[in-house]
Each structure stands twice: as C-alpha cells, then as structure tokens.
Amino acid sequence: MQEQQIQRFFTTLQAANPLPASELEYSSVFELLAAVLLSAQATDVGVNKATRRLFPVANTPARILALGLDGLEAHIRTIGLYRSKARHLIQTCEILLARHGGQVPRSREALEALPGVGRKTANVVLNVAFGEPTCAVDTHIFRVSNRTGLAPGKTPLAVELTLVKRIPERFRVDAHHWLILHGRYVCQARKPRCAACSVADCCDFTPKTTAG
C-alpha cells in the first residue's frame, strides 16, 4: 500500500465513522483496564455480559479486593480463562492500591508491570483512556495490516512499529479503532467481505472476494 493509498484508506474510514469507540463497556479508566484484562482470548460481547454483573457490585480496586478471589470468579466465570484472569485482576488491584493510590497509571512501564497486562493491553489503555497515539495489535489489526499491505509484519510488535511509522499523524489516535472494527466486520478472517469494503481500492489483497 502506497502513501497516497494510506491517506485515502484512513480518510474513507474516518468519513464512515468520525468518532470511533471501543465496543467494551466501561465508565472509568479502571473499568476499562479491568475489561481489557478480561478480554484476552474472549469477545467484547462476552466480556460486556460479565462486567454488567461485576461493575455494579465492584468497579474499583478496593471493591474488587473486597469481593475476594472466589467472589470475583463467580462474577466472571462465563469468560474463558476466568480463573487466571481473576487472579491477575486481584493482583493488579493490590498493586494499584499499594503503588498508585488506587489509580490507573499513565505510563507504559507502570501498566506493563501489572499482572495480566501486556503490551497490547497497555496500548489500549493508553489510547482509549488517555488519548495516546498507540496502536494495540490484536488478531484483527494483525490480519488487516498484513492482508491489505498497510503494515506487513511477522509479529504483532513488528506490525505495531510499522503502523506507527506509516499512519499519518492526524489519524493515529483513532486508527486503532478503525482497524479493529474493519477487521471484525468487513476484513474477516475466513471470508473477507471485499464486495462490501469501502477501501478495497486501496488494498493489496488478491484475489478479492465477491462476499458482500
């Protein structure tokens, strides 16, 4: 994908969705962090279903700790890997209270020091909560970046670093959302919906499918 195509690619996605947002439901930075931590290898729909039960009862580090491990597990057991995620969330809450006054830190280093929080989760929090121009490379963004030729790479980190270089500055804050949504609903894994794709003319993928 050439520079002019990249400009057209993001201009088109922006026109269709000027104010993109995460499909995870949250009302605070801590709720966002918890939801993203729970979302690994799970769908946003499944996480939202669980957090609709959890957050009205416990939506701060102190309240999560008050639930205890068993209580937390009972609220999120519908999510895959819920036992390990519950353990990580409990440990994360302990660190937030002990080191950060119960607040979610704004630095990548501090975020990645939290149990269960890797680079992708840190990028989501930095981008969605704090407006940083980061790009969290999940399976959707990895696929779209490679398939379209936007940012080819063999690893998520390689794709992320290429995206940061190639995405025009004015699109960087929202690019993460546009790429995820495009991969989730249009540029799907098994059968990309090329006939319904608004940016097909920018894309290097061949052959295009006729799926709409």
N, C-alpha and C. Protein backbone atom coordinates (compact mmCIF):
# COMPACT_ATOMS: atom_id res chain seq x y z
N MET A 1 0.85 -1.19 0.00
CA MET A 1 0.00 0.00 0.00
C MET A 1 0.89 1.25 0.00
N GLN A 2 0.67 2.11 -0.97
CA GLN A 2 1.48 3.31 -1.12
C GLN A 2 0.93 4.45 -0.24
N GLU A 3 1.75 5.50 -0.11
CA GLU A 3 1.39 6.62 0.78
C GLU A 3 0.05 7.24 0.42
N GLN A 4 -0.20 7.47 -0.87
CA GLN A 4 -1.49 8.05 -1.27
C GLN A 4 -2.65 7.12 -0.94
N GLN A 5 -2.43 5.82 -1.08
CA GLN A 5 -3.47 4.85 -0.74
C GLN A 5 -3.75 4.85 0.77
N ILE A 6 -2.69 4.99 1.56
CA ILE A 6 -2.86 5.03 3.02
C ILE A 6 -3.70 6.24 3.42
N GLN A 7 -3.42 7.38 2.81
CA GLN A 7 -4.21 8.58 3.09
C GLN A 7 -5.69 8.34 2.75
N ARG A 8 -5.93 7.76 1.58
CA ARG A 8 -7.31 7.51 1.16
C ARG A 8 -7.97 6.45 2.05
N PHE A 9 -7.21 5.45 2.43
CA PHE A 9 -7.69 4.38 3.30
C PHE A 9 -8.27 4.95 4.59
N PHE A 10 -7.49 5.78 5.28
CA PHE A 10 -7.93 6.31 6.57
C PHE A 10 -8.94 7.45 6.42
N THR A 11 -8.82 8.22 5.37
CA THR A 11 -9.82 9.26 5.12
C THR A 11 -11.20 8.63 4.92
N THR A 12 -11.25 7.52 4.22
CA THR A 12 -12.51 6.82 3.97
C THR A 12 -13.08 6.23 5.26
N LEU A 13 -12.23 5.59 6.05
CA LEU A 13 -12.69 5.01 7.32
C LEU A 13 -13.16 6.11 8.28
N GLN A 14 -12.46 7.23 8.28
CA GLN A 14 -12.85 8.35 9.14
C GLN A 14 -14.20 8.92 8.73
N ALA A 15 -14.42 9.05 7.43
CA ALA A 15 -15.69 9.60 6.96
C ALA A 15 -16.87 8.72 7.34
N ALA A 16 -16.65 7.41 7.34
CA ALA A 16 -17.71 6.48 7.69
C ALA A 16 -17.96 6.40 9.20
N ASN A 17 -16.93 6.71 9.98
CA ASN A 17 -17.04 6.59 11.45
C ASN A 17 -16.15 7.65 12.09
N PRO A 18 -16.64 8.90 12.15
CA PRO A 18 -15.79 10.01 12.63
C PRO A 18 -15.37 9.90 14.09
N LEU A 19 -16.18 9.27 14.91
CA LEU A 19 -15.88 9.17 16.33
C LEU A 19 -15.91 7.71 16.78
N PRO A 20 -14.92 6.95 16.37
CA PRO A 20 -14.92 5.53 16.72
C PRO A 20 -14.67 5.32 18.22
N ALA A 21 -15.19 4.24 18.75
CA ALA A 21 -15.04 3.96 20.17
C ALA A 21 -14.90 2.47 20.40
N SER A 22 -14.35 2.13 21.53
CA SER A 22 -14.23 0.73 21.91
C SER A 22 -15.61 0.12 22.11
N GLU A 23 -15.76 -1.14 21.76
CA GLU A 23 -17.02 -1.83 21.98
C GLU A 23 -17.11 -2.44 23.38
N LEU A 24 -16.03 -2.34 24.14
CA LEU A 24 -16.09 -2.71 25.56
C LEU A 24 -16.84 -1.63 26.31
N GLU A 25 -17.65 -2.05 27.28
CA GLU A 25 -18.44 -1.11 28.07
C GLU A 25 -17.68 -0.76 29.36
N TYR A 26 -17.53 0.53 29.62
CA TYR A 26 -16.82 0.98 30.82
C TYR A 26 -17.23 2.41 31.12
N SER A 27 -17.04 2.83 32.36
CA SER A 27 -17.36 4.21 32.73
C SER A 27 -16.24 4.87 33.52
N SER A 28 -15.10 4.21 33.61
CA SER A 28 -13.94 4.79 34.29
C SER A 28 -12.69 4.15 33.71
N VAL A 29 -11.54 4.74 33.98
CA VAL A 29 -10.29 4.18 33.48
C VAL A 29 -10.04 2.81 34.09
N PHE A 30 -10.36 2.66 35.37
CA PHE A 30 -10.17 1.34 35.99
C PHE A 30 -11.09 0.29 35.36
N GLU A 31 -12.33 0.65 35.09
CA GLU A 31 -13.24 -0.31 34.44
C GLU A 31 -12.71 -0.70 33.07
N LEU A 32 -12.14 0.26 32.34
CA LEU A 32 -11.56 -0.05 31.03
C LEU A 32 -10.40 -1.03 31.20
N LEU A 33 -9.50 -0.75 32.14
CA LEU A 33 -8.37 -1.64 32.37
C LEU A 33 -8.85 -3.05 32.71
N ALA A 34 -9.81 -3.15 33.61
CA ALA A 34 -10.33 -4.46 34.00
C ALA A 34 -10.96 -5.17 32.81
N ALA A 35 -11.74 -4.45 32.03
CA ALA A 35 -12.41 -5.06 30.87
C ALA A 35 -11.40 -5.56 29.84
N VAL A 36 -10.36 -4.76 29.58
CA VAL A 36 -9.36 -5.17 28.60
C VAL A 36 -8.58 -6.37 29.11
N LEU A 37 -8.26 -6.37 30.41
CA LEU A 37 -7.57 -7.51 31.01
C LEU A 37 -8.40 -8.79 30.86
N LEU A 38 -9.70 -8.66 31.02
CA LEU A 38 -10.59 -9.82 30.92
C LEU A 38 -10.83 -10.25 29.47
N SER A 39 -10.51 -9.38 28.51
CA SER A 39 -10.89 -9.64 27.13
C SER A 39 -9.92 -10.53 26.35
N ALA A 40 -8.78 -10.86 26.94
CA ALA A 40 -7.82 -11.71 26.23
C ALA A 40 -8.47 -13.04 25.86
N GLN A 41 -8.38 -13.39 24.59
CA GLN A 41 -8.96 -14.63 24.07
C GLN A 41 -10.45 -14.75 24.38
N ALA A 42 -11.12 -13.60 24.41
CA ALA A 42 -12.57 -13.57 24.64
C ALA A 42 -13.15 -12.46 23.78
N THR A 43 -14.43 -12.52 23.51
CA THR A 43 -15.08 -11.49 22.71
C THR A 43 -15.50 -10.32 23.58
N ASP A 44 -15.61 -9.14 22.97
CA ASP A 44 -16.11 -7.98 23.70
C ASP A 44 -17.53 -8.24 24.21
N VAL A 45 -18.33 -8.93 23.39
CA VAL A 45 -19.71 -9.24 23.80
C VAL A 45 -19.71 -10.07 25.07
N GLY A 46 -18.85 -11.08 25.13
CA GLY A 46 -18.78 -11.93 26.32
C GLY A 46 -18.28 -11.18 27.54
N VAL A 47 -17.29 -10.32 27.34
CA VAL A 47 -16.77 -9.53 28.47
C VAL A 47 -17.82 -8.56 28.98
N ASN A 48 -18.52 -7.89 28.07
CA ASN A 48 -19.57 -6.95 28.48
C ASN A 48 -20.66 -7.66 29.28
N LYS A 49 -21.00 -8.85 28.88
CA LYS A 49 -22.03 -9.62 29.59
C LYS A 49 -21.61 -9.87 31.04
N ALA A 50 -20.32 -10.16 31.24
CA ALA A 50 -19.82 -10.41 32.59
C ALA A 50 -19.67 -9.12 33.39
N THR A 51 -19.14 -8.06 32.76
CA THR A 51 -18.91 -6.83 33.51
C THR A 51 -20.21 -6.11 33.86
N ARG A 52 -21.28 -6.40 33.13
CA ARG A 52 -22.58 -5.83 33.52
C ARG A 52 -23.03 -6.39 34.86
N ARG A 53 -22.55 -7.55 35.20
CA ARG A 53 -22.83 -8.12 36.53
C ARG A 53 -21.80 -7.65 37.56
N LEU A 54 -20.54 -7.54 37.11
CA LEU A 54 -19.46 -7.22 38.03
C LEU A 54 -19.41 -5.76 38.44
N PHE A 55 -19.42 -4.85 37.48
CA PHE A 55 -19.16 -3.45 37.79
C PHE A 55 -20.19 -2.79 38.70
N PRO A 56 -21.48 -3.14 38.64
CA PRO A 56 -22.41 -2.54 39.61
C PRO A 56 -22.10 -2.93 41.05
N VAL A 57 -21.39 -4.04 41.22
CA VAL A 57 -21.05 -4.53 42.55
C VAL A 57 -19.64 -4.09 42.95
N ALA A 58 -18.72 -4.15 42.00
CA ALA A 58 -17.31 -3.83 42.30
C ALA A 58 -16.67 -3.22 41.07
N ASN A 59 -16.41 -1.92 41.14
CA ASN A 59 -15.80 -1.23 39.99
C ASN A 59 -14.62 -0.36 40.38
N THR A 60 -14.01 -0.66 41.53
CA THR A 60 -12.77 0.00 41.95
C THR A 60 -11.84 -1.09 42.48
N PRO A 61 -10.53 -0.80 42.56
CA PRO A 61 -9.62 -1.81 43.11
C PRO A 61 -10.02 -2.28 44.50
N ALA A 62 -10.42 -1.36 45.37
CA ALA A 62 -10.79 -1.75 46.73
C ALA A 62 -12.02 -2.66 46.75
N ARG A 63 -12.99 -2.36 45.92
CA ARG A 63 -14.20 -3.18 45.89
C ARG A 63 -13.94 -4.55 45.27
N ILE A 64 -13.06 -4.61 44.28
CA ILE A 64 -12.69 -5.91 43.71
C ILE A 64 -12.02 -6.76 44.78
N LEU A 65 -11.11 -6.16 45.53
CA LEU A 65 -10.42 -6.90 46.60
C LEU A 65 -11.40 -7.35 47.67
N ALA A 66 -12.41 -6.53 47.94
CA ALA A 66 -13.41 -6.89 48.94
C ALA A 66 -14.22 -8.11 48.51
N LEU A 67 -14.38 -8.28 47.20
CA LEU A 67 -15.08 -9.48 46.70
C LEU A 67 -14.29 -10.73 47.02
N GLY A 68 -12.97 -10.62 46.97
CA GLY A 68 -12.13 -11.80 47.13
C GLY A 68 -12.07 -12.59 45.83
N LEU A 69 -11.13 -13.52 45.78
CA LEU A 69 -10.93 -14.29 44.56
C LEU A 69 -12.17 -15.11 44.19
N ASP A 70 -12.75 -15.79 45.17
CA ASP A 70 -13.93 -16.61 44.88
C ASP A 70 -15.10 -15.76 44.41
N GLY A 71 -15.29 -14.61 45.03
CA GLY A 71 -16.39 -13.74 44.65
C GLY A 71 -16.20 -13.17 43.25
N LEU A 72 -14.95 -12.82 42.93
CA LEU A 72 -14.67 -12.30 41.59
C LEU A 72 -14.88 -13.39 40.54
N GLU A 73 -14.39 -14.58 40.82
CA GLU A 73 -14.57 -15.69 39.87
C GLU A 73 -16.05 -15.95 39.60
N ALA A 74 -16.88 -15.83 40.61
CA ALA A 74 -18.31 -16.08 40.44
C ALA A 74 -18.95 -15.10 39.46
N HIS A 75 -18.41 -13.88 39.41
CA HIS A 75 -18.96 -12.86 38.52
C HIS A 75 -18.46 -12.99 37.08
N ILE A 76 -17.29 -13.60 36.88
CA ILE A 76 -16.70 -13.62 35.54
C ILE A 76 -16.53 -15.04 34.99
N ARG A 77 -17.15 -16.02 35.58
CA ARG A 77 -16.89 -17.40 35.19
C ARG A 77 -17.38 -17.72 33.77
N THR A 78 -18.17 -16.85 33.17
CA THR A 78 -18.60 -17.08 31.79
C THR A 78 -17.52 -16.71 30.78
N ILE A 79 -16.44 -16.07 31.24
CA ILE A 79 -15.35 -15.66 30.36
C ILE A 79 -14.29 -16.76 30.34
N GLY A 80 -13.74 -17.03 29.18
CA GLY A 80 -12.68 -18.02 29.08
C GLY A 80 -11.47 -17.65 29.93
N LEU A 81 -10.84 -18.68 30.51
CA LEU A 81 -9.65 -18.49 31.36
C LEU A 81 -9.96 -17.61 32.57
N TYR A 82 -11.19 -17.71 33.07
CA TYR A 82 -11.62 -16.78 34.12
C TYR A 82 -10.82 -16.92 35.41
N ARG A 83 -10.33 -18.12 35.71
CA ARG A 83 -9.58 -18.29 36.96
C ARG A 83 -8.27 -17.52 36.94
N SER A 84 -7.51 -17.66 35.88
CA SER A 84 -6.24 -16.93 35.81
C SER A 84 -6.48 -15.43 35.68
N LYS A 85 -7.53 -15.04 34.97
CA LYS A 85 -7.84 -13.62 34.82
C LYS A 85 -8.27 -13.02 36.17
N ALA A 86 -9.02 -13.78 36.93
CA ALA A 86 -9.44 -13.29 38.26
C ALA A 86 -8.21 -13.11 39.15
N ARG A 87 -7.31 -14.05 39.10
CA ARG A 87 -6.10 -13.95 39.91
C ARG A 87 -5.27 -12.72 39.50
N HIS A 88 -5.12 -12.52 38.20
CA HIS A 88 -4.36 -11.35 37.73
C HIS A 88 -5.05 -10.04 38.12
N LEU A 89 -6.36 -10.00 38.03
CA LEU A 89 -7.07 -8.77 38.37
C LEU A 89 -6.95 -8.46 39.85
N ILE A 90 -7.04 -9.48 40.68
CA ILE A 90 -6.85 -9.28 42.12
C ILE A 90 -5.45 -8.73 42.39
N GLN A 91 -4.43 -9.35 41.80
CA GLN A 91 -3.05 -8.89 42.00
C GLN A 91 -2.85 -7.47 41.47
N THR A 92 -3.49 -7.17 40.34
CA THR A 92 -3.40 -5.82 39.78
C THR A 92 -4.01 -4.80 40.73
N CYS A 93 -5.15 -5.13 41.32
CA CYS A 93 -5.80 -4.22 42.26
C CYS A 93 -4.94 -3.98 43.48
N GLU A 94 -4.26 -5.01 43.94
CA GLU A 94 -3.37 -4.85 45.10
C GLU A 94 -2.23 -3.88 44.77
N ILE A 95 -1.67 -3.99 43.58
CA ILE A 95 -0.58 -3.11 43.16
C ILE A 95 -1.08 -1.68 42.96
N LEU A 96 -2.25 -1.53 42.36
CA LEU A 96 -2.80 -0.18 42.16
C LEU A 96 -2.98 0.54 43.49
N LEU A 97 -3.45 -0.17 44.48
CA LEU A 97 -3.65 0.44 45.80
C LEU A 97 -2.33 0.71 46.51
N ALA A 98 -1.40 -0.23 46.40
CA ALA A 98 -0.14 -0.11 47.12
C ALA A 98 0.81 0.92 46.50
N ARG A 99 0.81 1.02 45.16
CA ARG A 99 1.82 1.84 44.50
C ARG A 99 1.27 3.08 43.79
N HIS A 100 -0.03 3.08 43.49
CA HIS A 100 -0.56 4.15 42.63
C HIS A 100 -1.79 4.84 43.22
N GLY A 101 -1.99 4.70 44.52
CA GLY A 101 -3.12 5.37 45.15
C GLY A 101 -4.48 4.93 44.61
N GLY A 102 -4.53 3.71 44.07
CA GLY A 102 -5.79 3.19 43.54
C GLY A 102 -6.12 3.66 42.14
N GLN A 103 -5.21 4.46 41.54
CA GLN A 103 -5.45 4.99 40.20
C GLN A 103 -4.69 4.18 39.15
N VAL A 104 -5.20 4.18 37.94
CA VAL A 104 -4.51 3.50 36.84
C VAL A 104 -3.38 4.40 36.36
N PRO A 105 -2.14 3.90 36.34
CA PRO A 105 -1.02 4.75 35.92
C PRO A 105 -1.08 5.06 34.43
N ARG A 106 -0.42 6.14 34.06
CA ARG A 106 -0.47 6.59 32.66
C ARG A 106 0.78 6.21 31.89
N SER A 107 1.74 5.58 32.50
CA SER A 107 2.97 5.23 31.80
C SER A 107 2.93 3.78 31.34
N ARG A 108 3.53 3.53 30.19
CA ARG A 108 3.57 2.17 29.66
C ARG A 108 4.30 1.23 30.63
N GLU A 109 5.42 1.70 31.18
CA GLU A 109 6.21 0.86 32.07
C GLU A 109 5.39 0.41 33.28
N ALA A 110 4.66 1.34 33.88
CA ALA A 110 3.86 1.00 35.06
C ALA A 110 2.69 0.09 34.70
N LEU A 111 2.09 0.33 33.54
CA LEU A 111 0.98 -0.53 33.12
C LEU A 111 1.45 -1.95 32.86
N GLU A 112 2.56 -2.09 32.16
CA GLU A 112 3.06 -3.42 31.82
C GLU A 112 3.60 -4.16 33.04
N ALA A 113 3.80 -3.46 34.15
CA ALA A 113 4.23 -4.11 35.38
C ALA A 113 3.06 -4.76 36.13
N LEU A 114 1.84 -4.49 35.66
CA LEU A 114 0.65 -5.06 36.32
C LEU A 114 0.42 -6.48 35.82
N PRO A 115 0.07 -7.41 36.71
CA PRO A 115 -0.16 -8.80 36.30
C PRO A 115 -1.27 -8.91 35.25
N GLY A 116 -1.01 -9.66 34.20
CA GLY A 116 -2.00 -9.85 33.16
C GLY A 116 -2.06 -8.73 32.15
N VAL A 117 -1.23 -7.71 32.32
CA VAL A 117 -1.22 -6.56 31.39
C VAL A 117 0.04 -6.62 30.54
N GLY A 118 -0.13 -6.94 29.28
CA GLY A 118 0.98 -6.94 28.35
C GLY A 118 1.00 -5.68 27.51
N ARG A 119 1.79 -5.69 26.47
CA ARG A 119 1.92 -4.50 25.63
C ARG A 119 0.60 -4.13 24.98
N LYS A 120 -0.15 -5.13 24.51
CA LYS A 120 -1.41 -4.84 23.82
C LYS A 120 -2.40 -4.16 24.77
N THR A 121 -2.55 -4.71 25.97
CA THR A 121 -3.47 -4.12 26.94
C THR A 121 -3.03 -2.72 27.32
N ALA A 122 -1.74 -2.53 27.54
CA ALA A 122 -1.22 -1.21 27.87
C ALA A 122 -1.52 -0.22 26.76
N ASN A 123 -1.35 -0.65 25.51
CA ASN A 123 -1.63 0.22 24.37
C ASN A 123 -3.10 0.63 24.33
N VAL A 124 -4.00 -0.32 24.61
CA VAL A 124 -5.43 0.01 24.61
C VAL A 124 -5.73 1.07 25.66
N VAL A 125 -5.22 0.88 26.86
CA VAL A 125 -5.48 1.84 27.94
C VAL A 125 -4.89 3.20 27.61
N LEU A 126 -3.66 3.22 27.13
CA LEU A 126 -3.02 4.49 26.78
C LEU A 126 -3.80 5.21 25.68
N ASN A 127 -4.30 4.45 24.73
CA ASN A 127 -5.03 5.05 23.61
C ASN A 127 -6.43 5.47 24.00
N VAL A 128 -7.21 4.54 24.54
CA VAL A 128 -8.63 4.80 24.79
C VAL A 128 -8.84 5.72 25.99
N ALA A 129 -8.10 5.49 27.05
CA ALA A 129 -8.31 6.27 28.27
C ALA A 129 -7.58 7.61 28.25
N PHE A 130 -6.37 7.61 27.65
CA PHE A 130 -5.52 8.79 27.76
C PHE A 130 -5.25 9.49 26.42
N GLY A 131 -5.82 8.97 25.34
CA GLY A 131 -5.69 9.63 24.05
C GLY A 131 -4.31 9.58 23.43
N GLU A 132 -3.50 8.61 23.84
CA GLU A 132 -2.17 8.48 23.26
C GLU A 132 -2.27 7.83 21.88
N PRO A 133 -1.42 8.20 20.93
CA PRO A 133 -1.50 7.65 19.57
C PRO A 133 -0.86 6.28 19.45
N THR A 134 -1.27 5.35 20.31
CA THR A 134 -0.74 3.99 20.28
C THR A 134 -1.66 3.10 19.45
N CYS A 135 -1.15 1.94 19.07
CA CYS A 135 -1.95 1.01 18.27
C CYS A 135 -1.78 -0.40 18.85
N ALA A 136 -2.82 -0.90 19.48
CA ALA A 136 -2.79 -2.23 20.08
C ALA A 136 -3.07 -3.26 19.01
N VAL A 137 -2.10 -4.08 18.69
CA VAL A 137 -2.24 -5.03 17.59
C VAL A 137 -2.84 -6.34 18.10
N ASP A 138 -4.14 -6.50 17.87
CA ASP A 138 -4.81 -7.76 18.17
C ASP A 138 -4.87 -8.59 16.89
N THR A 139 -5.61 -9.69 16.91
CA THR A 139 -5.67 -10.55 15.73
C THR A 139 -6.29 -9.83 14.53
N HIS A 140 -7.27 -8.96 14.79
CA HIS A 140 -7.91 -8.23 13.70
C HIS A 140 -6.94 -7.26 13.03
N ILE A 141 -6.25 -6.46 13.84
CA ILE A 141 -5.32 -5.48 13.28
C ILE A 141 -4.14 -6.18 12.61
N PHE A 142 -3.68 -7.26 13.19
CA PHE A 142 -2.58 -8.02 12.58
C PHE A 142 -2.98 -8.52 11.19
N ARG A 143 -4.19 -9.05 11.09
CA ARG A 143 -4.68 -9.57 9.81
C ARG A 143 -4.87 -8.46 8.78
N VAL A 144 -5.55 -7.38 9.18
CA VAL A 144 -5.82 -6.28 8.26
C VAL A 144 -4.51 -5.65 7.78
N SER A 145 -3.59 -5.46 8.69
CA SER A 145 -2.32 -4.81 8.34
C SER A 145 -1.54 -5.63 7.33
N ASN A 146 -1.54 -6.95 7.51
CA ASN A 146 -0.81 -7.82 6.58
C ASN A 146 -1.57 -8.03 5.28
N ARG A 147 -2.85 -8.27 5.37
CA ARG A 147 -3.64 -8.59 4.17
C ARG A 147 -3.71 -7.40 3.21
N THR A 148 -3.90 -6.22 3.74
CA THR A 148 -4.05 -5.03 2.89
C THR A 148 -2.72 -4.49 2.39
N GLY A 149 -1.63 -4.85 3.07
CA GLY A 149 -0.33 -4.27 2.74
C GLY A 149 -0.06 -2.98 3.47
N LEU A 150 -0.94 -2.62 4.41
CA LEU A 150 -0.76 -1.39 5.17
C LEU A 150 0.50 -1.44 6.01
N ALA A 151 0.69 -2.55 6.74
CA ALA A 151 1.86 -2.67 7.62
C ALA A 151 2.21 -4.15 7.78
N PRO A 152 2.83 -4.73 6.76
CA PRO A 152 3.19 -6.15 6.85
C PRO A 152 4.20 -6.40 7.96
N GLY A 153 4.04 -7.54 8.63
CA GLY A 153 4.97 -7.90 9.68
C GLY A 153 4.70 -9.30 10.18
N LYS A 154 5.73 -9.97 10.66
CA LYS A 154 5.59 -11.35 11.11
C LYS A 154 5.17 -11.46 12.56
N THR A 155 5.29 -10.39 13.32
CA THR A 155 4.90 -10.41 14.73
C THR A 155 4.03 -9.19 15.02
N PRO A 156 3.21 -9.24 16.09
CA PRO A 156 2.41 -8.07 16.46
C PRO A 156 3.27 -6.83 16.69
N LEU A 157 4.43 -6.99 17.32
CA LEU A 157 5.29 -5.83 17.58
C LEU A 157 5.80 -5.23 16.27
N ALA A 158 6.19 -6.09 15.33
CA ALA A 158 6.67 -5.59 14.04
C ALA A 158 5.57 -4.82 13.32
N VAL A 159 4.34 -5.34 13.38
CA VAL A 159 3.21 -4.65 12.75
C VAL A 159 2.96 -3.32 13.45
N GLU A 160 2.99 -3.32 14.78
CA GLU A 160 2.74 -2.09 15.54
C GLU A 160 3.75 -1.00 15.17
N LEU A 161 5.02 -1.36 15.15
CA LEU A 161 6.05 -0.36 14.87
C LEU A 161 5.93 0.18 13.45
N THR A 162 5.51 -0.67 12.52
CA THR A 162 5.31 -0.22 11.14
C THR A 162 4.09 0.68 11.04
N LEU A 163 3.03 0.32 11.74
CA LEU A 163 1.82 1.16 11.75
C LEU A 163 2.12 2.56 12.25
N VAL A 164 2.88 2.65 13.33
CA VAL A 164 3.20 3.95 13.91
C VAL A 164 3.94 4.82 12.90
N LYS A 165 4.77 4.19 12.08
CA LYS A 165 5.52 4.94 11.06
C LYS A 165 4.65 5.33 9.87
N ARG A 166 3.72 4.46 9.48
CA ARG A 166 3.01 4.64 8.22
C ARG A 166 1.68 5.39 8.36
N ILE A 167 1.05 5.33 9.52
CA ILE A 167 -0.24 6.01 9.69
C ILE A 167 0.01 7.52 9.82
N PRO A 168 -0.62 8.32 8.98
CA PRO A 168 -0.46 9.78 9.10
C PRO A 168 -0.85 10.25 10.50
N GLU A 169 -0.15 11.24 10.99
CA GLU A 169 -0.30 11.69 12.38
C GLU A 169 -1.75 12.03 12.73
N ARG A 170 -2.48 12.65 11.82
CA ARG A 170 -3.83 13.08 12.15
C ARG A 170 -4.81 11.92 12.34
N PHE A 171 -4.41 10.72 11.95
CA PHE A 171 -5.28 9.55 12.10
C PHE A 171 -4.86 8.63 13.24
N ARG A 172 -3.73 8.89 13.86
CA ARG A 172 -3.12 7.90 14.75
C ARG A 172 -3.95 7.59 16.00
N VAL A 173 -4.59 8.57 16.57
CA VAL A 173 -5.34 8.32 17.81
C VAL A 173 -6.51 7.38 17.56
N ASP A 174 -7.17 7.53 16.43
CA ASP A 174 -8.37 6.72 16.16
C ASP A 174 -8.11 5.49 15.30
N ALA A 175 -6.91 5.37 14.74
CA ALA A 175 -6.62 4.28 13.81
C ALA A 175 -6.84 2.91 14.43
N HIS A 176 -6.49 2.78 15.69
CA HIS A 176 -6.68 1.51 16.41
C HIS A 176 -8.12 1.03 16.31
N HIS A 177 -9.07 1.92 16.55
CA HIS A 177 -10.49 1.54 16.49
C HIS A 177 -10.93 1.22 15.07
N TRP A 178 -10.53 2.06 14.12
CA TRP A 178 -10.95 1.82 12.73
C TRP A 178 -10.46 0.47 12.24
N LEU A 179 -9.22 0.13 12.54
CA LEU A 179 -8.65 -1.13 12.06
C LEU A 179 -9.31 -2.34 12.71
N ILE A 180 -9.57 -2.24 14.02
CA ILE A 180 -10.24 -3.35 14.71
C ILE A 180 -11.64 -3.56 14.14
N LEU A 181 -12.39 -2.51 14.01
CA LEU A 181 -13.77 -2.62 13.51
C LEU A 181 -13.78 -3.11 12.06
N HIS A 182 -12.82 -2.66 11.28
CA HIS A 182 -12.75 -3.10 9.88
C HIS A 182 -12.46 -4.60 9.82
N GLY A 183 -11.56 -5.06 10.67
CA GLY A 183 -11.24 -6.48 10.70
C GLY A 183 -12.36 -7.33 11.27
N ARG A 184 -13.08 -6.77 12.21
CA ARG A 184 -14.15 -7.52 12.86
C ARG A 184 -15.37 -7.70 11.95
N TYR A 185 -15.69 -6.66 11.18
CA TYR A 185 -16.95 -6.68 10.44
C TYR A 185 -16.81 -6.75 8.91
N VAL A 186 -15.66 -6.40 8.38
CA VAL A 186 -15.50 -6.39 6.92
C VAL A 186 -14.36 -7.31 6.48
N CYS A 187 -13.18 -7.02 6.92
CA CYS A 187 -12.00 -7.79 6.50
C CYS A 187 -11.83 -9.00 7.42
N GLN A 188 -12.83 -9.87 7.37
CA GLN A 188 -12.89 -11.00 8.28
C GLN A 188 -11.91 -12.10 7.90
N ALA A 189 -11.62 -12.96 8.86
CA ALA A 189 -10.54 -13.92 8.67
C ALA A 189 -10.81 -14.93 7.56
N ARG A 190 -11.92 -15.63 7.64
CA ARG A 190 -12.16 -16.72 6.71
C ARG A 190 -12.67 -16.26 5.35
N LYS A 191 -13.52 -15.25 5.35
CA LYS A 191 -14.10 -14.79 4.09
C LYS A 191 -14.24 -13.28 4.12
N PRO A 192 -13.18 -12.56 3.76
CA PRO A 192 -13.26 -11.10 3.76
C PRO A 192 -14.36 -10.61 2.83
N ARG A 193 -15.08 -9.59 3.28
CA ARG A 193 -16.23 -9.08 2.54
C ARG A 193 -15.78 -7.98 1.57
N CYS A 194 -14.98 -8.36 0.61
CA CYS A 194 -14.36 -7.38 -0.30
C CYS A 194 -15.39 -6.58 -1.09
N ALA A 195 -16.50 -7.22 -1.47
CA ALA A 195 -17.51 -6.51 -2.27
C ALA A 195 -18.20 -5.42 -1.46
N ALA A 196 -18.16 -5.52 -0.14
CA ALA A 196 -18.78 -4.52 0.72
C ALA A 196 -17.75 -3.57 1.32
N CYS A 197 -16.50 -3.69 0.92
CA CYS A 197 -15.41 -2.93 1.54
C CYS A 197 -15.25 -1.56 0.88
N SER A 198 -15.29 -0.53 1.69
CA SER A 198 -15.18 0.84 1.17
C SER A 198 -13.75 1.22 0.82
N VAL A 199 -12.78 0.42 1.25
CA VAL A 199 -11.37 0.73 0.98
C VAL A 199 -10.71 -0.36 0.14
N ALA A 200 -11.51 -1.13 -0.57
CA ALA A 200 -10.96 -2.22 -1.39
C ALA A 200 -9.99 -1.70 -2.45
N ASP A 201 -10.22 -0.50 -2.94
CA ASP A 201 -9.35 0.04 -3.99
C ASP A 201 -7.97 0.43 -3.46
N CYS A 202 -7.83 0.47 -2.13
CA CYS A 202 -6.54 0.81 -1.52
C CYS A 202 -5.74 -0.44 -1.15
N CYS A 203 -6.38 -1.58 -1.25
CA CYS A 203 -5.88 -2.81 -0.64
C CYS A 203 -5.07 -3.65 -1.62
N ASP A 204 -3.99 -4.26 -1.11
CA ASP A 204 -3.12 -5.10 -1.93
C ASP A 204 -3.61 -6.53 -2.05
N PHE A 205 -4.65 -6.91 -1.30
CA PHE A 205 -5.10 -8.30 -1.24
C PHE A 205 -5.65 -8.77 -2.58
N THR A 206 -5.13 -9.90 -3.05
CA THR A 206 -5.66 -10.54 -4.27
C THR A 206 -5.71 -12.04 -4.03
N PRO A 207 -6.72 -12.73 -4.54
CA PRO A 207 -7.83 -12.11 -5.27
C PRO A 207 -8.88 -11.59 -4.32
N LYS A 208 -9.58 -10.53 -4.72
CA LYS A 208 -10.68 -10.02 -3.94
C LYS A 208 -11.82 -11.03 -3.97
N THR A 209 -12.57 -11.10 -2.88
CA THR A 209 -13.71 -11.99 -2.85
C THR A 209 -14.95 -11.24 -3.35
N THR A 210 -15.99 -11.98 -3.61
CA THR A 210 -17.25 -11.37 -4.03
C THR A 210 -18.22 -11.27 -2.87
N ALA A 211 -17.77 -11.60 -1.65
CA ALA A 211 -18.66 -11.56 -0.49
C ALA A 211 -19.00 -10.13 -0.14
N GLY A 212 -20.31 -9.91 0.10
CA GLY A 212 -20.76 -8.58 0.46
C GLY A 212 -21.19 -8.50 1.89
